Amino acid sequence: MSGGYWDYIQHPLPSVAMDAYKVVMDGGHKYNDYDGSVMIEEYNETTLARFAEARDTILKASKMIQRMDWLLSGDDGEDCFNRRWEEELGNA
């Protein structure tokens, strides 16, 4: 079956996390996709740190949802669910 319990809501989350990380790496600059101009100047260090924290949390949530999805969809049993959770998330 390969998941699908929640219509694969976890799949776009890594993209969201990457976008948040791009903001951090670009120092808060956001570029216009049309002409490349800077749309937002800079965010302060506190804001950028929160974007970095959000990125990590979003990636973690995506992994958690994937594990639960596969269990609830019957792709993994409890033993496999717990083993994979530990491998991918530790004691999250």
PDB file of N, CA and C in Angstrom:
ATOM      1  N   MET A   1       0.821  -1.199   0.000  1.00  0.00           N
ATOM      2  CA  MET A   1       0.000   0.000   0.000  1.00  0.00           C
ATOM      3  C   MET A   1       0.867   1.265   0.000  1.00  0.00           C
ATOM      4  N   SER A   2       1.954   1.261   0.741  1.00  0.00           N
ATOM      5  CA  SER A   2       2.882   2.396   0.816  1.00  0.00           C
ATOM      6  C   SER A   2       2.251   3.679   1.317  1.00  0.00           C
ATOM      7  N   GLY A   3       1.559   3.593   2.380  1.00  0.00           N
ATOM      8  CA  GLY A   3       1.037   4.791   3.018  1.00  0.00           C
ATOM      9  C   GLY A   3      -0.226   5.326   2.392  1.00  0.00           C
ATOM     10  N   GLY A   4      -0.477   6.590   2.675  1.00  0.00           N
ATOM     11  CA  GLY A   4      -1.654   7.248   2.135  1.00  0.00           C
ATOM     12  C   GLY A   4      -2.752   7.478   3.150  1.00  0.00           C
ATOM     13  N   TYR A   5      -2.506   7.112   4.396  1.00  0.00           N
ATOM     14  CA  TYR A   5      -3.544   7.255   5.413  1.00  0.00           C
ATOM     15  C   TYR A   5      -4.046   8.687   5.515  1.00  0.00           C
ATOM     16  N   TRP A   6      -3.138   9.646   5.395  1.00  0.00           N
ATOM     17  CA  TRP A   6      -3.514  11.070   5.423  1.00  0.00           C
ATOM     18  C   TRP A   6      -3.260  11.731   4.070  1.00  0.00           C
ATOM     19  N   ASP A   7      -3.456  10.984   3.013  1.00  0.00           N
ATOM     20  CA  ASP A   7      -3.265  11.500   1.652  1.00  0.00           C
ATOM     21  C   ASP A   7      -1.876  12.102   1.444  1.00  0.00           C
ATOM     22  N   TYR A   8      -0.873  11.493   2.050  1.00  0.00           N
ATOM     23  CA  TYR A   8       0.538  11.848   1.838  1.00  0.00           C
ATOM     24  C   TYR A   8       0.865  13.293   2.213  1.00  0.00           C
ATOM     25  N   ILE A   9       0.262  13.791   3.281  1.00  0.00           N
ATOM     26  CA  ILE A   9       0.510  15.180   3.690  1.00  0.00           C
ATOM     27  C   ILE A   9       1.972  15.427   4.051  1.00  0.00           C
ATOM     28  N   GLN A  10       2.707  14.363   4.363  1.00  0.00           N
ATOM     29  CA  GLN A  10       4.103  14.534   4.744  1.00  0.00           C
ATOM     30  C   GLN A  10       5.012  14.841   3.552  1.00  0.00           C
ATOM     31  N   HIS A  11       4.589  14.530   2.369  1.00  0.00           N
ATOM     32  CA  HIS A  11       5.467  14.676   1.204  1.00  0.00           C
ATOM     33  C   HIS A  11       5.877  16.108   0.880  1.00  0.00           C
ATOM     34  N   PRO A  12       5.017  17.121   0.991  1.00  0.00           N
ATOM     35  CA  PRO A  12       5.486  18.485   0.702  1.00  0.00           C
ATOM     36  C   PRO A  12       6.273  19.137   1.843  1.00  0.00           C
ATOM     37  N   LEU A  13       6.282  18.530   3.016  1.00  0.00           N
ATOM     38  CA  LEU A  13       6.929  19.164   4.167  1.00  0.00           C
ATOM     39  C   LEU A  13       8.430  19.391   3.989  1.00  0.00           C
ATOM     40  N   PRO A  14       9.201  18.456   3.422  1.00  0.00           N
ATOM     41  CA  PRO A  14      10.619  18.747   3.211  1.00  0.00           C
ATOM     42  C   PRO A  14      10.857  19.962   2.308  1.00  0.00           C
ATOM     43  N   SER A  15       9.975  20.193   1.368  1.00  0.00           N
ATOM     44  CA  SER A  15      10.088  21.379   0.513  1.00  0.00           C
ATOM     45  C   SER A  15       9.871  22.659   1.316  1.00  0.00           C
ATOM     46  N   VAL A  16       8.912  22.625   2.230  1.00  0.00           N
ATOM     47  CA  VAL A  16       8.662  23.763   3.116  1.00  0.00           C
ATOM     48  C   VAL A  16       9.897  24.008   3.982  1.00  0.00           C
ATOM     49  N   ALA A  17      10.459  22.931   4.510  1.00  0.00           N
ATOM     50  CA  ALA A  17      11.657  23.050   5.342  1.00  0.00           C
ATOM     51  C   ALA A  17      12.818  23.635   4.548  1.00  0.00           C
ATOM     52  N   MET A  18      12.974  23.219   3.302  1.00  0.00           N
ATOM     53  CA  MET A  18      14.057  23.740   2.472  1.00  0.00           C
ATOM     54  C   MET A  18      13.863  25.226   2.195  1.00  0.00           C
ATOM     55  N   ASP A  19      12.635  25.636   1.964  1.00  0.00           N
ATOM     56  CA  ASP A  19      12.359  27.060   1.757  1.00  0.00           C
ATOM     57  C   ASP A  19      12.715  27.876   3.001  1.00  0.00           C
ATOM     58  N   ALA A  20      12.396  27.358   4.175  1.00  0.00           N
ATOM     59  CA  ALA A  20      12.752  28.044   5.419  1.00  0.00           C
ATOM     60  C   ALA A  20      14.265  28.135   5.549  1.00  0.00           C
ATOM     61  N   TYR A  21      14.944  27.067   5.183  1.00  0.00           N
ATOM     62  CA  TYR A  21      16.411  27.050   5.268  1.00  0.00           C
ATOM     63  C   TYR A  21      17.031  28.046   4.280  1.00  0.00           C
ATOM     64  N   LYS A  22      16.430  28.181   3.109  1.00  0.00           N
ATOM     65  CA  LYS A  22      16.926  29.152   2.126  1.00  0.00           C
ATOM     66  C   LYS A  22      16.863  30.571   2.688  1.00  0.00           C
ATOM     67  N   VAL A  23      15.803  30.874   3.410  1.00  0.00           N
ATOM     68  CA  VAL A  23      15.684  32.198   4.029  1.00  0.00           C
ATOM     69  C   VAL A  23      16.844  32.416   4.993  1.00  0.00           C
ATOM     70  N   VAL A  24      17.159  31.401   5.786  1.00  0.00           N
ATOM     71  CA  VAL A  24      18.276  31.507   6.737  1.00  0.00           C
ATOM     72  C   VAL A  24      19.586  31.685   5.979  1.00  0.00           C
ATOM     73  N   MET A  25      19.807  30.862   4.980  1.00  0.00           N
ATOM     74  CA  MET A  25      21.071  30.911   4.241  1.00  0.00           C
ATOM     75  C   MET A  25      21.235  32.212   3.453  1.00  0.00           C
ATOM     76  N   ASP A  26      20.129  32.793   3.030  1.00  0.00           N
ATOM     77  CA  ASP A  26      20.176  34.054   2.278  1.00  0.00           C
ATOM     78  C   ASP A  26      20.150  35.261   3.202  1.00  0.00           C
ATOM     79  N   GLY A  27      20.254  35.036   4.508  1.00  0.00           N
ATOM     80  CA  GLY A  27      20.270  36.137   5.457  1.00  0.00           C
ATOM     81  C   GLY A  27      18.956  36.889   5.516  1.00  0.00           C
ATOM     82  N   GLY A  28      17.883  36.241   5.147  1.00  0.00           N
ATOM     83  CA  GLY A  28      16.570  36.866   5.204  1.00  0.00           C
ATOM     84  C   GLY A  28      16.114  37.455   3.897  1.00  0.00           C
ATOM     85  N   HIS A  29      16.980  37.426   2.895  1.00  0.00           N
ATOM     86  CA  HIS A  29      16.572  37.963   1.599  1.00  0.00           C
ATOM     87  C   HIS A  29      15.635  36.984   0.899  1.00  0.00           C
ATOM     88  N   LYS A  30      14.601  37.499   0.320  1.00  0.00           N
ATOM     89  CA  LYS A  30      13.685  36.697  -0.496  1.00  0.00           C
ATOM     90  C   LYS A  30      13.683  37.331  -1.865  1.00  0.00           C
ATOM     91  N   TYR A  31      13.868  36.506  -2.856  1.00  0.00           N
ATOM     92  CA  TYR A  31      14.004  37.016  -4.206  1.00  0.00           C
ATOM     93  C   TYR A  31      12.726  36.815  -5.008  1.00  0.00           C
ATOM     94  N   ASN A  32      12.419  37.784  -5.830  1.00  0.00           N
ATOM     95  CA  ASN A  32      11.285  37.725  -6.735  1.00  0.00           C
ATOM     96  C   ASN A  32      11.605  36.691  -7.818  1.00  0.00           C
ATOM     97  N   ASP A  33      10.746  35.696  -7.987  1.00  0.00           N
ATOM     98  CA  ASP A  33      10.977  34.658  -8.989  1.00  0.00           C
ATOM     99  C   ASP A  33      10.935  35.212 -10.413  1.00  0.00           C
ATOM    100  N   TYR A  34      10.251  36.307 -10.574  1.00  0.00           N
ATOM    101  CA  TYR A  34      10.077  36.866 -11.922  1.00  0.00           C
ATOM    102  C   TYR A  34      11.339  37.588 -12.403  1.00  0.00           C
ATOM    103  N   ASP A  35      11.869  38.506 -11.596  1.00  0.00           N
ATOM    104  CA  ASP A  35      13.004  39.298 -12.069  1.00  0.00           C
ATOM    105  C   ASP A  35      14.253  39.207 -11.199  1.00  0.00           C
ATOM    106  N   GLY A  36      14.203  38.421 -10.128  1.00  0.00           N
ATOM    107  CA  GLY A  36      15.372  38.239  -9.283  1.00  0.00           C
ATOM    108  C   GLY A  36      15.634  39.353  -8.294  1.00  0.00           C
ATOM    109  N   SER A  37      14.769  40.347  -8.237  1.00  0.00           N
ATOM    110  CA  SER A  37      14.976  41.457  -7.309  1.00  0.00           C
ATOM    111  C   SER A  37      14.703  41.019  -5.870  1.00  0.00           C
ATOM    112  N   VAL A  38      15.337  41.716  -4.935  1.00  0.00           N
ATOM    113  CA  VAL A  38      15.141  41.418  -3.520  1.00  0.00           C
ATOM    114  C   VAL A  38      13.785  41.963  -3.093  1.00  0.00           C
ATOM    115  N   MET A  39      12.952  41.102  -2.503  1.00  0.00           N
ATOM    116  CA  MET A  39      11.620  41.510  -2.074  1.00  0.00           C
ATOM    117  C   MET A  39      11.604  41.882  -0.587  1.00  0.00           C
ATOM    118  N   ILE A  40      12.428  41.218   0.201  1.00  0.00           N
ATOM    119  CA  ILE A  40      12.488  41.465   1.634  1.00  0.00           C
ATOM    120  C   ILE A  40      13.953  41.720   1.963  1.00  0.00           C
ATOM    121  N   GLU A  41      14.226  42.753   2.689  1.00  0.00           N
ATOM    122  CA  GLU A  41      15.610  43.082   3.009  1.00  0.00           C
ATOM    123  C   GLU A  41      16.235  42.040   3.926  1.00  0.00           C
ATOM    124  N   GLU A  42      16.199  42.226   5.217  1.00  0.00           N
ATOM    125  CA  GLU A  42      16.806  41.268   6.128  1.00  0.00           C
ATOM    126  C   GLU A  42      15.949  41.070   7.361  1.00  0.00           C
ATOM    127  N   TYR A  43      16.003  39.847   7.867  1.00  0.00           N
ATOM    128  CA  TYR A  43      15.386  39.552   9.148  1.00  0.00           C
ATOM    129  C   TYR A  43      16.495  39.554  10.194  1.00  0.00           C
ATOM    130  N   ASN A  44      16.133  39.808  11.446  1.00  0.00           N
ATOM    131  CA  ASN A  44      17.153  39.814  12.490  1.00  0.00           C
ATOM    132  C   ASN A  44      17.546  38.379  12.858  1.00  0.00           C
ATOM    133  N   GLU A  45      18.595  38.256  13.665  1.00  0.00           N
ATOM    134  CA  GLU A  45      19.140  36.943  14.028  1.00  0.00           C
ATOM    135  C   GLU A  45      18.129  36.072  14.771  1.00  0.00           C
ATOM    136  N   THR A  46      17.302  36.682  15.592  1.00  0.00           N
ATOM    137  CA  THR A  46      16.286  35.915  16.326  1.00  0.00           C
ATOM    138  C   THR A  46      15.303  35.279  15.353  1.00  0.00           C
ATOM    139  N   THR A  47      14.856  36.055  14.388  1.00  0.00           N
ATOM    140  CA  THR A  47      13.914  35.537  13.389  1.00  0.00           C
ATOM    141  C   THR A  47      14.551  34.426  12.570  1.00  0.00           C
ATOM    142  N   LEU A  48      15.797  34.626  12.145  1.00  0.00           N
ATOM    143  CA  LEU A  48      16.483  33.603  11.355  1.00  0.00           C
ATOM    144  C   LEU A  48      16.697  32.324  12.174  1.00  0.00           C
ATOM    145  N   ALA A  49      16.986  32.476  13.457  1.00  0.00           N
ATOM    146  CA  ALA A  49      17.139  31.302  14.318  1.00  0.00           C
ATOM    147  C   ALA A  49      15.822  30.538  14.427  1.00  0.00           C
ATOM    148  N   ARG A  50      14.736  31.262  14.447  1.00  0.00           N
ATOM    149  CA  ARG A  50      13.421  30.605  14.527  1.00  0.00           C
ATOM    150  C   ARG A  50      13.098  29.881  13.218  1.00  0.00           C
ATOM    151  N   PHE A  51      13.508  30.448  12.092  1.00  0.00           N
ATOM    152  CA  PHE A  51      13.338  29.762  10.811  1.00  0.00           C
ATOM    153  C   PHE A  51      14.150  28.471  10.794  1.00  0.00           C
ATOM    154  N   ALA A  52      15.373  28.525  11.321  1.00  0.00           N
ATOM    155  CA  ALA A  52      16.212  27.326  11.381  1.00  0.00           C
ATOM    156  C   ALA A  52      15.589  26.274  12.290  1.00  0.00           C
ATOM    157  N   GLU A  53      15.062  26.706  13.420  1.00  0.00           N
ATOM    158  CA  GLU A  53      14.384  25.790  14.337  1.00  0.00           C
ATOM    159  C   GLU A  53      13.152  25.180  13.669  1.00  0.00           C
ATOM    160  N   ALA A  54      12.398  26.005  12.960  1.00  0.00           N
ATOM    161  CA  ALA A  54      11.206  25.516  12.267  1.00  0.00           C
ATOM    162  C   ALA A  54      11.584  24.480  11.219  1.00  0.00           C
ATOM    163  N   ARG A  55      12.661  24.728  10.491  1.00  0.00           N
ATOM    164  CA  ARG A  55      13.117  23.770   9.479  1.00  0.00           C
ATOM    165  C   ARG A  55      13.342  22.405  10.120  1.00  0.00           C
ATOM    166  N   ASP A  56      14.066  22.379  11.236  1.00  0.00           N
ATOM    167  CA  ASP A  56      14.348  21.111  11.910  1.00  0.00           C
ATOM    168  C   ASP A  56      13.067  20.440  12.397  1.00  0.00           C
ATOM    169  N   THR A  57      12.159  21.222  12.935  1.00  0.00           N
ATOM    170  CA  THR A  57      10.897  20.687  13.440  1.00  0.00           C
ATOM    171  C   THR A  57      10.038  20.135  12.303  1.00  0.00           C
ATOM    172  N   ILE A  58       9.993  20.846  11.187  1.00  0.00           N
ATOM    173  CA  ILE A  58       9.205  20.399  10.030  1.00  0.00           C
ATOM    174  C   ILE A  58       9.748  19.080   9.490  1.00  0.00           C
ATOM    175  N   LEU A  59      11.074  18.976   9.376  1.00  0.00           N
ATOM    176  CA  LEU A  59      11.675  17.725   8.896  1.00  0.00           C
ATOM    177  C   LEU A  59      11.385  16.568   9.847  1.00  0.00           C
ATOM    178  N   LYS A  60      11.465  16.853  11.130  1.00  0.00           N
ATOM    179  CA  LYS A  60      11.166  15.830  12.139  1.00  0.00           C
ATOM    180  C   LYS A  60       9.700  15.406  12.050  1.00  0.00           C
ATOM    181  N   ALA A  61       8.808  16.367  11.915  1.00  0.00           N
ATOM    182  CA  ALA A  61       7.374  16.059  11.800  1.00  0.00           C
ATOM    183  C   ALA A  61       7.096  15.219  10.558  1.00  0.00           C
ATOM    184  N   SER A  62       7.768  15.538   9.464  1.00  0.00           N
ATOM    185  CA  SER A  62       7.581  14.776   8.233  1.00  0.00           C
ATOM    186  C   SER A  62       7.949  13.308   8.446  1.00  0.00           C
ATOM    187  N   LYS A  63       9.060  13.078   9.130  1.00  0.00           N
ATOM    188  CA  LYS A  63       9.482  11.695   9.414  1.00  0.00           C
ATOM    189  C   LYS A  63       8.495  10.997  10.339  1.00  0.00           C
ATOM    190  N   MET A  64       8.004  11.719  11.343  1.00  0.00           N
ATOM    191  CA  MET A  64       7.042  11.138  12.279  1.00  0.00           C
ATOM    192  C   MET A  64       5.749  10.755  11.554  1.00  0.00           C
ATOM    193  N   ILE A  65       5.271  11.650  10.707  1.00  0.00           N
ATOM    194  CA  ILE A  65       4.038  11.374   9.962  1.00  0.00           C
ATOM    195  C   ILE A  65       4.239  10.170   9.053  1.00  0.00           C
ATOM    196  N   GLN A  66       5.402  10.081   8.396  1.00  0.00           N
ATOM    197  CA  GLN A  66       5.687   8.942   7.513  1.00  0.00           C
ATOM    198  C   GLN A  66       5.625   7.631   8.281  1.00  0.00           C
ATOM    199  N   ARG A  67       6.230   7.593   9.437  1.00  0.00           N
ATOM    200  CA  ARG A  67       6.232   6.365  10.233  1.00  0.00           C
ATOM    201  C   ARG A  67       4.813   6.001  10.650  1.00  0.00           C
ATOM    202  N   MET A  68       4.044   6.987  11.151  1.00  0.00           N
ATOM    203  CA  MET A  68       2.663   6.703  11.564  1.00  0.00           C
ATOM    204  C   MET A  68       1.814   6.299  10.364  1.00  0.00           C
ATOM    205  N   ASP A  69       2.010   6.958   9.242  1.00  0.00           N
ATOM    206  CA  ASP A  69       1.270   6.666   8.015  1.00  0.00           C
ATOM    207  C   ASP A  69       1.459   5.208   7.619  1.00  0.00           C
ATOM    208  N   TRP A  70       2.699   4.762   7.600  1.00  0.00           N
ATOM    209  CA  TRP A  70       2.958   3.383   7.190  1.00  0.00           C
ATOM    210  C   TRP A  70       2.383   2.381   8.182  1.00  0.00           C
ATOM    211  N   LEU A  71       2.399   2.708   9.462  1.00  0.00           N
ATOM    212  CA  LEU A  71       1.797   1.812  10.454  1.00  0.00           C
ATOM    213  C   LEU A  71       0.284   1.750  10.250  1.00  0.00           C
ATOM    214  N   LEU A  72      -0.348   2.913  10.162  1.00  0.00           N
ATOM    215  CA  LEU A  72      -1.807   2.956  10.044  1.00  0.00           C
ATOM    216  C   LEU A  72      -2.304   2.411   8.705  1.00  0.00           C
ATOM    217  N   SER A  73      -1.452   2.452   7.682  1.00  0.00           N
ATOM    218  CA  SER A  73      -1.829   1.937   6.369  1.00  0.00           C
ATOM    219  C   SER A  73      -1.539   0.449   6.224  1.00  0.00           C
ATOM    220  N   GLY A  74      -0.923  -0.131   7.252  1.00  0.00           N
ATOM    221  CA  GLY A  74      -0.645  -1.560   7.222  1.00  0.00           C
ATOM    222  C   GLY A  74       0.648  -1.928   6.521  1.00  0.00           C
ATOM    223  N   ASP A  75       1.477  -0.962   6.166  1.00  0.00           N
ATOM    224  CA  ASP A  75       2.756  -1.261   5.524  1.00  0.00           C
ATOM    225  C   ASP A  75       3.794  -1.751   6.519  1.00  0.00           C
ATOM    226  N   ASP A  76       3.734  -1.245   7.733  1.00  0.00           N
ATOM    227  CA  ASP A  76       4.635  -1.655   8.807  1.00  0.00           C
ATOM    228  C   ASP A  76       3.818  -2.178   9.973  1.00  0.00           C
ATOM    229  N   GLY A  77       4.373  -3.155  10.672  1.00  0.00           N
ATOM    230  CA  GLY A  77       3.794  -3.583  11.931  1.00  0.00           C
ATOM    231  C   GLY A  77       4.402  -2.752  13.055  1.00  0.00           C
ATOM    232  N   GLU A  78       3.958  -2.992  14.267  1.00  0.00           N
ATOM    233  CA  GLU A  78       4.460  -2.217  15.403  1.00  0.00           C
ATOM    234  C   GLU A  78       5.964  -2.359  15.600  1.00  0.00           C
ATOM    235  N   ASP A  79       6.477  -3.570  15.454  1.00  0.00           N
ATOM    236  CA  ASP A  79       7.916  -3.764  15.641  1.00  0.00           C
ATOM    237  C   ASP A  79       8.711  -2.940  14.627  1.00  0.00           C
ATOM    238  N   CYS A  80       8.296  -3.007  13.386  1.00  0.00           N
ATOM    239  CA  CYS A  80       8.967  -2.248  12.329  1.00  0.00           C
ATOM    240  C   CYS A  80       8.804  -0.744  12.562  1.00  0.00           C
ATOM    241  N   PHE A  81       7.591  -0.341  12.930  1.00  0.00           N
ATOM    242  CA  PHE A  81       7.323   1.067  13.230  1.00  0.00           C
ATOM    243  C   PHE A  81       8.284   1.567  14.300  1.00  0.00           C
ATOM    244  N   ASN A  82       8.394   0.847  15.395  1.00  0.00           N
ATOM    245  CA  ASN A  82       9.249   1.273  16.502  1.00  0.00           C
ATOM    246  C   ASN A  82      10.728   1.232  16.138  1.00  0.00           C
ATOM    247  N   ARG A  83      11.151   0.234  15.370  1.00  0.00           N
ATOM    248  CA  ARG A  83      12.543   0.148  14.943  1.00  0.00           C
ATOM    249  C   ARG A  83      12.892   1.313  14.021  1.00  0.00           C
ATOM    250  N   ARG A  84      12.040   1.567  13.039  1.00  0.00           N
ATOM    251  CA  ARG A  84      12.302   2.672  12.101  1.00  0.00           C
ATOM    252  C   ARG A  84      12.238   4.022  12.805  1.00  0.00           C
ATOM    253  N   TRP A  85      11.291   4.181  13.725  1.00  0.00           N
ATOM    254  CA  TRP A  85      11.189   5.435  14.497  1.00  0.00           C
ATOM    255  C   TRP A  85      12.507   5.696  15.207  1.00  0.00           C
ATOM    256  N   GLU A  86      13.012   4.648  15.878  1.00  0.00           N
ATOM    257  CA  GLU A  86      14.266   4.779  16.624  1.00  0.00           C
ATOM    258  C   GLU A  86      15.421   5.106  15.682  1.00  0.00           C
ATOM    259  N   GLU A  87      15.480   4.432  14.543  1.00  0.00           N
ATOM    260  CA  GLU A  87      16.551   4.672  13.565  1.00  0.00           C
ATOM    261  C   GLU A  87      16.505   6.101  13.012  1.00  0.00           C
ATOM    262  N   GLU A  88      15.315   6.574  12.698  1.00  0.00           N
ATOM    263  CA  GLU A  88      15.167   7.868  12.021  1.00  0.00           C
ATOM    264  C   GLU A  88      15.024   9.044  12.973  1.00  0.00           C
ATOM    265  N   LEU A  89      14.480   8.796  14.153  1.00  0.00           N
ATOM    266  CA  LEU A  89      14.149   9.896  15.059  1.00  0.00           C
ATOM    267  C   LEU A  89      14.769   9.775  16.447  1.00  0.00           C
ATOM    268  N   GLY A  90      15.335   8.647  16.762  1.00  0.00           N
ATOM    269  CA  GLY A  90      15.878   8.453  18.107  1.00  0.00           C
ATOM    270  C   GLY A  90      14.760   8.459  19.124  1.00  0.00           C
ATOM    271  N   ASN A  91      14.969   9.163  20.212  1.00  0.00           N
ATOM    272  CA  ASN A  91      13.953   9.241  21.271  1.00  0.00           C
ATOM    273  C   ASN A  91      13.050  10.448  21.104  1.00  0.00           C
ATOM    274  N   ALA A  92      12.894  10.905  19.887  1.00  0.00           N
ATOM    275  CA  ALA A  92      12.095  12.111  19.609  1.00  0.00           C
ATOM    276  C   ALA A  92      10.918  12.154  20.458  1.00  0.00           C
TER     277      ALA A  92
END
